[in-house]
């Protein structure tokens, strides 16, 4: 461990970041009641340079929250509605022959944006899903032998309905692993339901997103991400993350454990959470806060446990409790 004086001298000024997060939350709260956990995870994903999969039944503000987040960021926003007949070229773009120049020109698809909202992502077939692999992981598209880089920041906010099965496709594990978090949105409480109704009535039955203020610019996001990357992480916290992820690979209830990408995602998410709370160091509590959304879509139960009705949530809770918290 370094001396306390050295720790003090190396502290990072996170006041501007904390203020921006507070303002962003306030803007979102103007139109979205409750769902604070979802909002915090989305904001932390922005700071951690990660993609987010939002799952919930229709009407729980999945798409609305994603749209509001996009409108509070002064960046290029695009929305893609996934359907069973959607082709990769409809997402990535295609080469078109220009009769004036007698050459092919690449026309970029809607995925070329800073914030990309993919609505009902599980409605597109495997071929279209596979088209997202490279762009989500490497932030680039390779077509006709040419590589096109995405302009940072680049973030995918995807939604899906867990109940409806007709006309949907299971997302490949390789694609799920590219999402930093999977956020499961629950129904609001009775008190929150009343606030939703009252707010909607006072806004004359409309949600006008144009009234929202631009809180973050592209340059600010880059600047805040650099701050987050500089946060201190004690070796004991590193070992704690590693131990949690390794537990998923040695659990008799799991057919598929989490990969090293999950460990990295947990570290990135924990650092973002710590920065949002004004701390320049990561605690085990930050790790525990992001453990479930990081792991839930990356592990698979054995068929026997599925038949017994065991949930992934129970397994994650058990394995996290098994790992000793560093002091």
C-alpha atoms as a PDB file:
ATOM      1  CA  UNK A   1       0.000   0.000   0.000  1.00  0.00           C
ATOM      2  CA  UNK A   2       1.176   3.555  -0.706  1.00  0.00           C
ATOM      3  CA  UNK A   3       1.507   6.117   2.085  1.00  0.00           C
ATOM      4  CA  UNK A   4      -1.588   8.161   2.886  1.00  0.00           C
ATOM      5  CA  UNK A   5       0.071  11.417   1.768  1.00  0.00           C
ATOM      6  CA  UNK A   6       0.732   9.902  -1.664  1.00  0.00           C
ATOM      7  CA  UNK A   7      -2.869   8.757  -1.919  1.00  0.00           C
ATOM      8  CA  UNK A   8      -4.067  12.276  -1.123  1.00  0.00           C
ATOM      9  CA  UNK A   9      -1.789  13.883  -3.705  1.00  0.00           C
ATOM     10  CA  UNK A  10      -3.019  11.536  -6.429  1.00  0.00           C
ATOM     11  CA  UNK A  11      -6.722  12.253  -5.870  1.00  0.00           C
ATOM     12  CA  UNK A  12      -8.806  12.979  -8.970  1.00  0.00           C
ATOM     13  CA  UNK A  13     -11.176  15.932  -9.171  1.00  0.00           C
ATOM     14  CA  UNK A  14     -14.594  14.414  -9.922  1.00  0.00           C
ATOM     15  CA  UNK A  15     -16.751  17.385  -8.964  1.00  0.00           C
ATOM     16  CA  UNK A  16     -17.635  18.294 -12.557  1.00  0.00           C
ATOM     17  CA  UNK A  17     -18.468  14.675 -13.369  1.00  0.00           C
ATOM     18  CA  UNK A  18     -20.677  14.305 -10.289  1.00  0.00           C
ATOM     19  CA  UNK A  19     -22.523  17.522 -11.133  1.00  0.00           C
ATOM     20  CA  UNK A  20     -23.112  16.386 -14.718  1.00  0.00           C
ATOM     21  CA  UNK A  21     -24.489  13.042 -13.478  1.00  0.00           C
ATOM     22  CA  UNK A  22     -26.812  14.857 -11.056  1.00  0.00           C
ATOM     23  CA  UNK A  23     -28.094  17.131 -13.846  1.00  0.00           C
ATOM     24  CA  UNK A  24     -28.551  14.152 -16.183  1.00  0.00           C
ATOM     25  CA  UNK A  25     -30.593  12.308 -13.564  1.00  0.00           C
ATOM     26  CA  UNK A  26     -32.742  15.408 -13.018  1.00  0.00           C
ATOM     27  CA  UNK A  27     -33.471  15.763 -16.736  1.00  0.00           C
ATOM     28  CA  UNK A  28     -34.448  12.090 -17.043  1.00  0.00           C
ATOM     29  CA  UNK A  29     -36.637  12.334 -13.913  1.00  0.00           C
ATOM     30  CA  UNK A  30     -38.698  15.061 -15.607  1.00  0.00           C
ATOM     31  CA  UNK A  31     -40.314  12.406 -17.806  1.00  0.00           C
ATOM     32  CA  UNK A  32     -39.454   9.065 -16.177  1.00  0.00           C
ATOM     33  CA  UNK A  33     -40.759   8.244 -12.697  1.00  0.00           C
ATOM     34  CA  UNK A  34     -38.671   5.858 -10.602  1.00  0.00           C
ATOM     35  CA  UNK A  35     -36.462   3.353 -12.463  1.00  0.00           C
ATOM     36  CA  UNK A  36     -33.479   4.912 -10.675  1.00  0.00           C
ATOM     37  CA  UNK A  37     -31.472   1.700 -10.915  1.00  0.00           C
ATOM     38  CA  UNK A  38     -31.945   1.549 -14.686  1.00  0.00           C
ATOM     39  CA  UNK A  39     -30.971   5.207 -15.047  1.00  0.00           C
ATOM     40  CA  UNK A  40     -27.823   4.818 -12.931  1.00  0.00           C
ATOM     41  CA  UNK A  41     -26.721   1.752 -14.891  1.00  0.00           C
ATOM     42  CA  UNK A  42     -27.230   3.494 -18.239  1.00  0.00           C
ATOM     43  CA  UNK A  43     -25.276   6.546 -17.069  1.00  0.00           C
ATOM     44  CA  UNK A  44     -22.468   4.337 -15.746  1.00  0.00           C
ATOM     45  CA  UNK A  45     -22.395   2.497 -19.097  1.00  0.00           C
ATOM     46  CA  UNK A  46     -21.910   5.831 -20.868  1.00  0.00           C
ATOM     47  CA  UNK A  47     -18.942   6.584 -18.603  1.00  0.00           C
ATOM     48  CA  UNK A  48     -17.580   3.040 -18.999  1.00  0.00           C
ATOM     49  CA  UNK A  49     -17.877   3.035 -22.810  1.00  0.00           C
ATOM     50  CA  UNK A  50     -20.240   0.060 -22.846  1.00  0.00           C
ATOM     51  CA  UNK A  51     -23.419  -1.115 -24.557  1.00  0.00           C
ATOM     52  CA  UNK A  52     -26.652  -1.820 -22.702  1.00  0.00           C
ATOM     53  CA  UNK A  53     -29.436  -4.361 -23.245  1.00  0.00           C
ATOM     54  CA  UNK A  54     -32.707  -3.324 -21.571  1.00  0.00           C
ATOM     55  CA  UNK A  55     -35.257  -6.074 -21.013  1.00  0.00           C
ATOM     56  CA  UNK A  56     -38.806  -5.627 -19.769  1.00  0.00           C
ATOM     57  CA  UNK A  57     -42.459  -6.026 -20.648  1.00  0.00           C
ATOM     58  CA  UNK A  58     -44.033  -3.378 -22.915  1.00  0.00           C
ATOM     59  CA  UNK A  59     -44.858  -0.063 -21.296  1.00  0.00           C
ATOM     60  CA  UNK A  60     -42.227   0.155 -18.540  1.00  0.00           C
ATOM     61  CA  UNK A  61     -40.360   3.068 -20.190  1.00  0.00           C
ATOM     62  CA  UNK A  62     -37.500   1.077 -21.751  1.00  0.00           C
ATOM     63  CA  UNK A  63     -37.527   2.879 -25.088  1.00  0.00           C
ATOM     64  CA  UNK A  64     -38.596   6.208 -23.555  1.00  0.00           C
ATOM     65  CA  UNK A  65     -35.649   6.200 -21.138  1.00  0.00           C
ATOM     66  CA  UNK A  66     -33.209   5.324 -23.929  1.00  0.00           C
ATOM     67  CA  UNK A  67     -34.613   8.141 -26.096  1.00  0.00           C
ATOM     68  CA  UNK A  68     -34.412  10.622 -23.204  1.00  0.00           C
ATOM     69  CA  UNK A  69     -30.773   9.699 -22.535  1.00  0.00           C
ATOM     70  CA  UNK A  70     -30.004  10.213 -26.221  1.00  0.00           C
ATOM     71  CA  UNK A  71     -31.726  13.611 -26.206  1.00  0.00           C
ATOM     72  CA  UNK A  72     -29.711  14.807 -23.194  1.00  0.00           C
ATOM     73  CA  UNK A  73     -26.465  14.109 -25.042  1.00  0.00           C
ATOM     74  CA  UNK A  74     -25.378  16.545 -27.740  1.00  0.00           C
ATOM     75  CA  UNK A  75     -24.392  13.853 -30.226  1.00  0.00           C
ATOM     76  CA  UNK A  76     -25.662  12.068 -33.341  1.00  0.00           C
ATOM     77  CA  UNK A  77     -28.606   9.844 -32.404  1.00  0.00           C
ATOM     78  CA  UNK A  78     -30.150   7.072 -34.508  1.00  0.00           C
ATOM     79  CA  UNK A  79     -32.991   4.616 -33.945  1.00  0.00           C
ATOM     80  CA  UNK A  80     -33.393   1.245 -35.679  1.00  0.00           C
ATOM     81  CA  UNK A  81     -36.540  -0.864 -35.406  1.00  0.00           C
ATOM     82  CA  UNK A  82     -35.519  -4.498 -35.754  1.00  0.00           C
ATOM     83  CA  UNK A  83     -37.914  -6.729 -37.707  1.00  0.00           C
ATOM     84  CA  UNK A  84     -37.715 -10.314 -39.063  1.00  0.00           C
ATOM     85  CA  UNK A  85     -37.102  -9.070 -42.616  1.00  0.00           C
ATOM     86  CA  UNK A  86     -34.284  -6.656 -41.689  1.00  0.00           C
ATOM     87  CA  UNK A  87     -31.071  -7.271 -43.648  1.00  0.00           C
ATOM     88  CA  UNK A  88     -27.479  -6.453 -42.580  1.00  0.00           C
ATOM     89  CA  UNK A  89     -27.279  -3.751 -45.262  1.00  0.00           C
ATOM     90  CA  UNK A  90     -30.321  -2.054 -43.694  1.00  0.00           C
ATOM     91  CA  UNK A  91     -28.240  -1.592 -40.550  1.00  0.00           C
ATOM     92  CA  UNK A  92     -24.649  -1.160 -41.744  1.00  0.00           C
ATOM     93  CA  UNK A  93     -25.184   0.462 -45.138  1.00  0.00           C
ATOM     94  CA  UNK A  94     -24.392  -0.595 -48.691  1.00  0.00           C
ATOM     95  CA  UNK A  95     -22.280   0.278 -51.726  1.00  0.00           C
ATOM     96  CA  UNK A  96     -24.158   2.135 -54.463  1.00  0.00           C
ATOM     97  CA  UNK A  97     -22.925   2.692 -58.017  1.00  0.00           C
ATOM     98  CA  UNK A  98     -22.513   6.376 -58.866  1.00  0.00           C
ATOM     99  CA  UNK A  99     -23.204   6.867 -62.565  1.00  0.00           C
ATOM    100  CA  UNK A 100     -21.449  10.266 -62.569  1.00  0.00           C
ATOM    101  CA  UNK A 101     -18.135   8.996 -61.257  1.00  0.00           C
ATOM    102  CA  UNK A 102     -18.547   5.402 -62.505  1.00  0.00           C
ATOM    103  CA  UNK A 103     -17.481   4.213 -59.055  1.00  0.00           C
ATOM    104  CA  UNK A 104     -19.153   2.522 -56.111  1.00  0.00           C
ATOM    105  CA  UNK A 105     -19.828   4.737 -53.097  1.00  0.00           C
ATOM    106  CA  UNK A 106     -20.534   3.521 -49.587  1.00  0.00           C
ATOM    107  CA  UNK A 107     -23.730   4.897 -48.099  1.00  0.00           C
ATOM    108  CA  UNK A 108     -23.630   4.567 -44.345  1.00  0.00           C
ATOM    109  CA  UNK A 109     -26.494   2.879 -42.559  1.00  0.00           C
ATOM    110  CA  UNK A 110     -28.285   4.112 -39.420  1.00  0.00           C
ATOM    111  CA  UNK A 111     -25.791   2.360 -37.140  1.00  0.00           C
ATOM    112  CA  UNK A 112     -23.275   5.112 -37.948  1.00  0.00           C
ATOM    113  CA  UNK A 113     -24.170   7.365 -35.035  1.00  0.00           C
ATOM    114  CA  UNK A 114     -22.944   8.096 -31.507  1.00  0.00           C
ATOM    115  CA  UNK A 115     -26.005   6.810 -29.671  1.00  0.00           C
ATOM    116  CA  UNK A 116     -27.857   3.980 -31.444  1.00  0.00           C
ATOM    117  CA  UNK A 117     -31.212   2.804 -30.088  1.00  0.00           C
ATOM    118  CA  UNK A 118     -32.135  -0.666 -31.360  1.00  0.00           C
ATOM    119  CA  UNK A 119     -35.757  -1.362 -30.536  1.00  0.00           C
ATOM    120  CA  UNK A 120     -36.813  -5.010 -30.093  1.00  0.00           C
ATOM    121  CA  UNK A 121     -33.367  -6.310 -30.971  1.00  0.00           C
ATOM    122  CA  UNK A 122     -34.467  -9.946 -30.694  1.00  0.00           C
ATOM    123  CA  UNK A 123     -36.828  -9.633 -33.688  1.00  0.00           C
ATOM    124  CA  UNK A 124     -34.070  -9.719 -36.320  1.00  0.00           C
ATOM    125  CA  UNK A 125     -32.647 -13.048 -37.617  1.00  0.00           C
ATOM    126  CA  UNK A 126     -29.144 -14.375 -36.906  1.00  0.00           C
ATOM    127  CA  UNK A 127     -27.635 -12.917 -40.097  1.00  0.00           C
ATOM    128  CA  UNK A 128     -28.551  -9.376 -39.062  1.00  0.00           C
ATOM    129  CA  UNK A 129     -27.514  -9.975 -35.454  1.00  0.00           C
ATOM    130  CA  UNK A 130     -24.104 -11.161 -36.652  1.00  0.00           C
ATOM    131  CA  UNK A 131     -23.660  -7.878 -38.508  1.00  0.00           C
ATOM    132  CA  UNK A 132     -23.458  -6.160 -35.102  1.00  0.00           C
ATOM    133  CA  UNK A 133     -20.596  -8.304 -33.750  1.00  0.00           C
ATOM    134  CA  UNK A 134     -17.716  -6.310 -35.211  1.00  0.00           C
ATOM    135  CA  UNK A 135     -19.218  -2.882 -34.719  1.00  0.00           C
ATOM    136  CA  UNK A 136     -20.117  -3.492 -31.051  1.00  0.00           C
ATOM    137  CA  UNK A 137     -16.722  -4.918 -30.097  1.00  0.00           C
ATOM    138  CA  UNK A 138     -14.276  -3.098 -32.361  1.00  0.00           C
ATOM    139  CA  UNK A 139     -16.252   0.078 -33.172  1.00  0.00           C
ATOM    140  CA  UNK A 140     -15.758  -0.438 -36.896  1.00  0.00           C
ATOM    141  CA  UNK A 141     -17.495  -1.880 -39.956  1.00  0.00           C
ATOM    142  CA  UNK A 142     -15.707  -3.875 -42.666  1.00  0.00           C
ATOM    143  CA  UNK A 143     -17.497  -4.038 -46.016  1.00  0.00           C
ATOM    144  CA  UNK A 144     -16.150  -4.820 -49.488  1.00  0.00           C
ATOM    145  CA  UNK A 145     -12.621  -4.991 -48.127  1.00  0.00           C
ATOM    146  CA  UNK A 146     -12.749  -1.521 -46.564  1.00  0.00           C
ATOM    147  CA  UNK A 147     -12.901  -0.646 -42.881  1.00  0.00           C
ATOM    148  CA  UNK A 148     -14.992   2.267 -41.636  1.00  0.00           C
ATOM    149  CA  UNK A 149     -14.290   3.484 -38.107  1.00  0.00           C
ATOM    150  CA  UNK A 150     -17.061   4.741 -35.834  1.00  0.00           C
ATOM    151  CA  UNK A 151     -16.821   8.249 -34.411  1.00  0.00           C
ATOM    152  CA  UNK A 152     -16.472   8.069 -30.618  1.00  0.00           C
ATOM    153  CA  UNK A 153     -18.385   7.909 -28.437  1.00  0.00           C
ATOM    154  CA  UNK A 154     -20.342   4.938 -29.815  1.00  0.00           C
ATOM    155  CA  UNK A 155     -23.001   3.242 -27.706  1.00  0.00           C
ATOM    156  CA  UNK A 156     -25.773   0.758 -28.454  1.00  0.00           C
ATOM    157  CA  UNK A 157     -28.921   0.899 -26.315  1.00  0.00           C
ATOM    158  CA  UNK A 158     -31.028  -2.137 -27.193  1.00  0.00           C
ATOM    159  CA  UNK A 159     -34.455  -3.172 -25.891  1.00  0.00           C
ATOM    160  CA  UNK A 160     -36.257  -6.491 -25.915  1.00  0.00           C
ATOM    161  CA  UNK A 161     -39.449  -8.051 -24.561  1.00  0.00           C
ATOM    162  CA  UNK A 162     -38.842 -11.208 -22.462  1.00  0.00           C
ATOM    163  CA  UNK A 163     -42.434 -12.458 -22.656  1.00  0.00           C
ATOM    164  CA  UNK A 164     -43.422 -12.426 -26.320  1.00  0.00           C
ATOM    165  CA  UNK A 165     -41.917 -15.351 -28.261  1.00  0.00           C
ATOM    166  CA  UNK A 166     -43.683 -15.193 -31.637  1.00  0.00           C
ATOM    167  CA  UNK A 167     -41.495 -13.620 -34.315  1.00  0.00           C
ATOM    168  CA  UNK A 168     -38.439 -13.377 -32.054  1.00  0.00           C
ATOM    169  CA  UNK A 169     -34.964 -14.928 -32.176  1.00  0.00           C
ATOM    170  CA  UNK A 170     -32.679 -15.811 -29.294  1.00  0.00           C
ATOM    171  CA  UNK A 171     -29.630 -13.543 -29.297  1.00  0.00           C
ATOM    172  CA  UNK A 172     -26.335 -15.416 -29.848  1.00  0.00           C
ATOM    173  CA  UNK A 173     -24.171 -15.785 -26.740  1.00  0.00           C
ATOM    174  CA  UNK A 174     -21.323 -14.015 -28.540  1.00  0.00           C
ATOM    175  CA  UNK A 175     -23.544 -10.985 -29.055  1.00  0.00           C
ATOM    176  CA  UNK A 176     -24.916 -10.978 -25.500  1.00  0.00           C
ATOM    177  CA  UNK A 177     -21.333 -11.003 -24.223  1.00  0.00           C
ATOM    178  CA  UNK A 178     -20.719  -7.702 -26.025  1.00  0.00           C
ATOM    179  CA  UNK A 179     -23.246  -5.880 -23.845  1.00  0.00           C
ATOM    180  CA  UNK A 180     -21.709  -4.368 -20.720  1.00  0.00           C
ATOM    181  CA  UNK A 181     -25.016  -4.716 -18.839  1.00  0.00           C
ATOM    182  CA  UNK A 182     -28.345  -6.384 -19.177  1.00  0.00           C
ATOM    183  CA  UNK A 183     -30.889  -4.310 -17.261  1.00  0.00           C
ATOM    184  CA  UNK A 184     -34.122  -5.999 -16.227  1.00  0.00           C
ATOM    185  CA  UNK A 185     -36.851  -3.392 -15.807  1.00  0.00           C
ATOM    186  CA  UNK A 186     -39.590  -4.132 -13.289  1.00  0.00           C
ATOM    187  CA  UNK A 187     -43.100  -2.742 -12.846  1.00  0.00           C
ATOM    188  CA  UNK A 188     -43.394   0.534 -10.890  1.00  0.00           C
ATOM    189  CA  UNK A 189     -44.746   0.590  -7.332  1.00  0.00           C
ATOM    190  CA  UNK A 190     -48.326   1.846  -6.709  1.00  0.00           C
ATOM    191  CA  UNK A 191     -46.913   5.200  -5.536  1.00  0.00           C
ATOM    192  CA  UNK A 192     -44.778   5.523  -8.665  1.00  0.00           C
ATOM    193  CA  UNK A 193     -47.774   4.558 -10.814  1.00  0.00           C
ATOM    194  CA  UNK A 194     -49.732   7.466  -9.331  1.00  0.00           C
ATOM    195  CA  UNK A 195     -46.853   9.867 -10.072  1.00  0.00           C
ATOM    196  CA  UNK A 196     -46.703   8.581 -13.666  1.00  0.00           C
ATOM    197  CA  UNK A 197     -50.416   9.285 -14.143  1.00  0.00           C
ATOM    198  CA  UNK A 198     -50.262  12.707 -12.477  1.00  0.00           C
ATOM    199  CA  UNK A 199     -47.217  13.777 -14.492  1.00  0.00           C
ATOM    200  CA  UNK A 200     -48.712  12.585 -17.768  1.00  0.00           C
ATOM    201  CA  UNK A 201     -51.927  14.490 -16.994  1.00  0.00           C
ATOM    202  CA  UNK A 202     -50.043  17.700 -16.138  1.00  0.00           C
ATOM    203  CA  UNK A 203     -48.060  17.439 -19.399  1.00  0.00           C
ATOM    204  CA  UNK A 204     -51.329  17.339 -21.368  1.00  0.00           C
ATOM    205  CA  UNK A 205     -50.952  13.645 -22.213  1.00  0.00           C
ATOM    206  CA  UNK A 206     -47.620  14.010 -24.008  1.00  0.00           C
ATOM    207  CA  UNK A 207     -43.876  13.486 -23.530  1.00  0.00           C
ATOM    208  CA  UNK A 208     -42.138  16.374 -25.296  1.00  0.00           C
ATOM    209  CA  UNK A 209     -38.472  15.404 -25.544  1.00  0.00           C
ATOM    210  CA  UNK A 210     -37.566  18.720 -27.172  1.00  0.00           C
ATOM    211  CA  UNK A 211     -37.875  20.425 -23.774  1.00  0.00           C
ATOM    212  CA  UNK A 212     -34.913  18.434 -22.425  1.00  0.00           C
ATOM    213  CA  UNK A 213     -31.570  20.151 -21.994  1.00  0.00           C
ATOM    214  CA  UNK A 214     -28.342  18.904 -23.536  1.00  0.00           C
ATOM    215  CA  UNK A 215     -26.274  17.871 -20.522  1.00  0.00           C
ATOM    216  CA  UNK A 216     -23.307  16.086 -22.083  1.00  0.00           C
ATOM    217  CA  UNK A 217     -21.312  16.861 -25.202  1.00  0.00           C
ATOM    218  CA  UNK A 218     -19.111  14.425 -27.104  1.00  0.00           C
ATOM    219  CA  UNK A 219     -15.985  16.131 -25.750  1.00  0.00           C
ATOM    220  CA  UNK A 220     -17.293  15.992 -22.172  1.00  0.00           C
ATOM    221  CA  UNK A 221     -18.007  12.276 -22.446  1.00  0.00           C
ATOM    222  CA  UNK A 222     -14.451  11.664 -23.660  1.00  0.00           C
ATOM    223  CA  UNK A 223     -13.095  13.834 -20.833  1.00  0.00           C
ATOM    224  CA  UNK A 224     -15.158  12.053 -18.152  1.00  0.00           C
ATOM    225  CA  UNK A 225     -14.152   8.635 -19.487  1.00  0.00           C
ATOM    226  CA  UNK A 226     -10.501   9.593 -19.093  1.00  0.00           C
ATOM    227  CA  UNK A 227     -11.247  10.548 -15.482  1.00  0.00           C
ATOM    228  CA  UNK A 228     -12.986   7.216 -14.850  1.00  0.00           C
ATOM    229  CA  UNK A 229     -10.047   5.282 -16.305  1.00  0.00           C
ATOM    230  CA  UNK A 230      -7.726   6.982 -13.794  1.00  0.00           C
ATOM    231  CA  UNK A 231      -9.598   5.740 -10.713  1.00  0.00           C
ATOM    232  CA  UNK A 232      -7.611   3.745  -8.178  1.00  0.00           C
ATOM    233  CA  UNK A 233      -8.363   0.031  -7.824  1.00  0.00           C
ATOM    234  CA  UNK A 234      -6.813  -1.838  -4.909  1.00  0.00           C
ATOM    235  CA  UNK A 235      -5.296  -5.264  -5.734  1.00  0.00           C
ATOM    236  CA  UNK A 236      -7.717  -6.805  -3.223  1.00  0.00           C
ATOM    237  CA  UNK A 237     -10.654  -5.449  -5.254  1.00  0.00           C
ATOM    238  CA  UNK A 238      -9.112  -6.884  -8.433  1.00  0.00           C
ATOM    239  CA  UNK A 239      -8.889 -10.275  -6.724  1.00  0.00           C
ATOM    240  CA  UNK A 240     -12.480  -9.887  -5.529  1.00  0.00           C
ATOM    241  CA  UNK A 241     -13.731  -9.376  -9.093  1.00  0.00           C
ATOM    242  CA  UNK A 242     -11.679 -12.314 -10.331  1.00  0.00           C
ATOM    243  CA  UNK A 243     -12.997 -14.567  -7.559  1.00  0.00           C
ATOM    244  CA  UNK A 244     -16.644 -13.727  -8.353  1.00  0.00           C
ATOM    245  CA  UNK A 245     -16.239 -14.453 -12.060  1.00  0.00           C
ATOM    246  CA  UNK A 246     -14.261 -17.645 -11.437  1.00  0.00           C
ATOM    247  CA  UNK A 247     -17.105 -18.863  -9.210  1.00  0.00           C
ATOM    248  CA  UNK A 248     -19.341 -18.949 -12.289  1.00  0.00           C
ATOM    249  CA  UNK A 249     -16.947 -21.403 -13.977  1.00  0.00           C
ATOM    250  CA  UNK A 250     -16.927 -23.818 -11.052  1.00  0.00           C
ATOM    251  CA  UNK A 251     -20.609 -23.880 -10.233  1.00  0.00           C
ATOM    252  CA  UNK A 252     -22.466 -27.164 -10.700  1.00  0.00           C
ATOM    253  CA  UNK A 253     -25.676 -25.275 -11.487  1.00  0.00           C
ATOM    254  CA  UNK A 254     -24.176 -23.519 -14.501  1.00  0.00           C
ATOM    255  CA  UNK A 255     -23.629 -24.939 -17.977  1.00  0.00           C
ATOM    256  CA  UNK A 256     -21.749 -21.826 -19.143  1.00  0.00           C
ATOM    257  CA  UNK A 257     -19.677 -19.526 -16.942  1.00  0.00           C
ATOM    258  CA  UNK A 258     -18.556 -15.964 -17.534  1.00  0.00           C
ATOM    259  CA  UNK A 259     -15.523 -15.120 -19.683  1.00  0.00           C
ATOM    260  CA  UNK A 260     -12.662 -12.672 -18.911  1.00  0.00           C
ATOM    261  CA  UNK A 261     -14.727 -10.088 -20.790  1.00  0.00           C
ATOM    262  CA  UNK A 262     -17.147 -10.259 -17.838  1.00  0.00           C
ATOM    263  CA  UNK A 263     -14.305  -9.497 -15.411  1.00  0.00           C
ATOM    264  CA  UNK A 264     -13.300  -6.479 -17.470  1.00  0.00           C
ATOM    265  CA  UNK A 265     -16.933  -5.352 -17.693  1.00  0.00           C
ATOM    266  CA  UNK A 266     -17.315  -5.625 -13.914  1.00  0.00           C
ATOM    267  CA  UNK A 267     -14.175  -3.549 -13.388  1.00  0.00           C
ATOM    268  CA  UNK A 268     -15.268  -0.886 -15.892  1.00  0.00           C
ATOM    269  CA  UNK A 269     -18.757  -0.707 -14.416  1.00  0.00           C
ATOM    270  CA  UNK A 270     -17.489  -0.524 -10.836  1.00  0.00           C
ATOM    271  CA  UNK A 271     -15.106   2.313 -11.712  1.00  0.00           C
ATOM    272  CA  UNK A 272     -17.939   4.252 -13.370  1.00  0.00           C
ATOM    273  CA  UNK A 273     -20.204   3.731 -10.340  1.00  0.00           C
ATOM    274  CA  UNK A 274     -17.471   4.947  -7.993  1.00  0.00           C
ATOM    275  CA  UNK A 275     -16.887   8.059 -10.105  1.00  0.00           C
ATOM    276  CA  UNK A 276     -20.633   8.817 -10.162  1.00  0.00           C
ATOM    277  CA  UNK A 277     -20.548   8.808  -6.369  1.00  0.00           C
ATOM    278  CA  UNK A 278     -17.620  11.236  -6.287  1.00  0.00           C
ATOM    279  CA  UNK A 279     -14.980   8.701  -5.236  1.00  0.00           C
ATOM    280  CA  UNK A 280     -11.613   8.277  -6.929  1.00  0.00           C
ATOM    281  CA  UNK A 281     -11.291   4.659  -5.764  1.00  0.00           C
ATOM    282  CA  UNK A 282     -13.367   1.488  -6.232  1.00  0.00           C
ATOM    283  CA  UNK A 283     -14.925  -0.359  -3.285  1.00  0.00           C
ATOM    284  CA  UNK A 284     -16.318  -3.898  -3.072  1.00  0.00           C
ATOM    285  CA  UNK A 285     -19.790  -2.315  -2.850  1.00  0.00           C
ATOM    286  CA  UNK A 286     -19.304  -0.829  -6.322  1.00  0.00           C
ATOM    287  CA  UNK A 287     -18.433  -4.309  -7.601  1.00  0.00           C
ATOM    288  CA  UNK A 288     -21.472  -5.909  -5.956  1.00  0.00           C
ATOM    289  CA  UNK A 289     -23.725  -3.199  -7.424  1.00  0.00           C
ATOM    290  CA  UNK A 290     -22.794  -4.091 -11.005  1.00  0.00           C
ATOM    291  CA  UNK A 291     -22.248  -7.847 -10.534  1.00  0.00           C
ATOM    292  CA  UNK A 292     -25.796  -8.879 -11.434  1.00  0.00           C
ATOM    293  CA  UNK A 293     -26.287  -6.759 -14.620  1.00  0.00           C
ATOM    294  CA  UNK A 294     -22.808  -7.828 -15.778  1.00  0.00           C
ATOM    295  CA  UNK A 295     -23.334 -11.556 -15.208  1.00  0.00           C
ATOM    296  CA  UNK A 296     -27.040 -12.207 -15.800  1.00  0.00           C
ATOM    297  CA  UNK A 297     -26.779 -12.460 -19.604  1.00  0.00           C
ATOM    298  CA  UNK A 298     -23.380 -14.163 -19.639  1.00  0.00           C
ATOM    299  CA  UNK A 299     -24.094 -17.352 -17.695  1.00  0.00           C
ATOM    300  CA  UNK A 300     -26.368 -20.252 -18.627  1.00  0.00           C
ATOM    301  CA  UNK A 301     -28.095 -22.658 -16.245  1.00  0.00           C
ATOM    302  CA  UNK A 302     -27.839 -26.426 -16.701  1.00  0.00           C
ATOM    303  CA  UNK A 303     -31.017 -28.023 -18.122  1.00  0.00           C
ATOM    304  CA  UNK A 304     -31.587 -29.772 -14.778  1.00  0.00           C
ATOM    305  CA  UNK A 305     -31.609 -26.495 -12.844  1.00  0.00           C
ATOM    306  CA  UNK A 306     -33.906 -24.882 -15.412  1.00  0.00           C
ATOM    307  CA  UNK A 307     -36.356 -27.755 -14.953  1.00  0.00           C
ATOM    308  CA  UNK A 308     -36.184 -27.272 -11.181  1.00  0.00           C
ATOM    309  CA  UNK A 309     -37.201 -23.647 -11.637  1.00  0.00           C
ATOM    310  CA  UNK A 310     -33.959 -22.193 -10.315  1.00  0.00           C
ATOM    311  CA  UNK A 311     -33.340 -18.648 -11.545  1.00  0.00           C
ATOM    312  CA  UNK A 312     -30.080 -17.084 -12.664  1.00  0.00           C
ATOM    313  CA  UNK A 313     -30.691 -14.320 -10.130  1.00  0.00           C
ATOM    314  CA  UNK A 314     -30.591 -16.855  -7.265  1.00  0.00           C
ATOM    315  CA  UNK A 315     -27.372 -18.399  -8.538  1.00  0.00           C
ATOM    316  CA  UNK A 316     -25.635 -15.019  -8.882  1.00  0.00           C
ATOM    317  CA  UNK A 317     -26.744 -14.003  -5.388  1.00  0.00           C
ATOM    318  CA  UNK A 318     -25.393 -17.263  -3.952  1.00  0.00           C
ATOM    319  CA  UNK A 319     -22.021 -17.140  -5.682  1.00  0.00           C
ATOM    320  CA  UNK A 320     -21.465 -13.461  -4.797  1.00  0.00           C
ATOM    321  CA  UNK A 321     -22.246 -14.238  -1.139  1.00  0.00           C
ATOM    322  CA  UNK A 322     -19.731 -17.093  -1.193  1.00  0.00           C
ATOM    323  CA  UNK A 323     -16.831 -14.811  -2.048  1.00  0.00           C
ATOM    324  CA  UNK A 324     -15.239 -13.114   0.933  1.00  0.00           C
ATOM    325  CA  UNK A 325     -15.457  -9.322   0.778  1.00  0.00           C
ATOM    326  CA  UNK A 326     -12.012  -7.694   1.052  1.00  0.00           C
ATOM    327  CA  UNK A 327     -11.475  -5.285   3.937  1.00  0.00           C
END
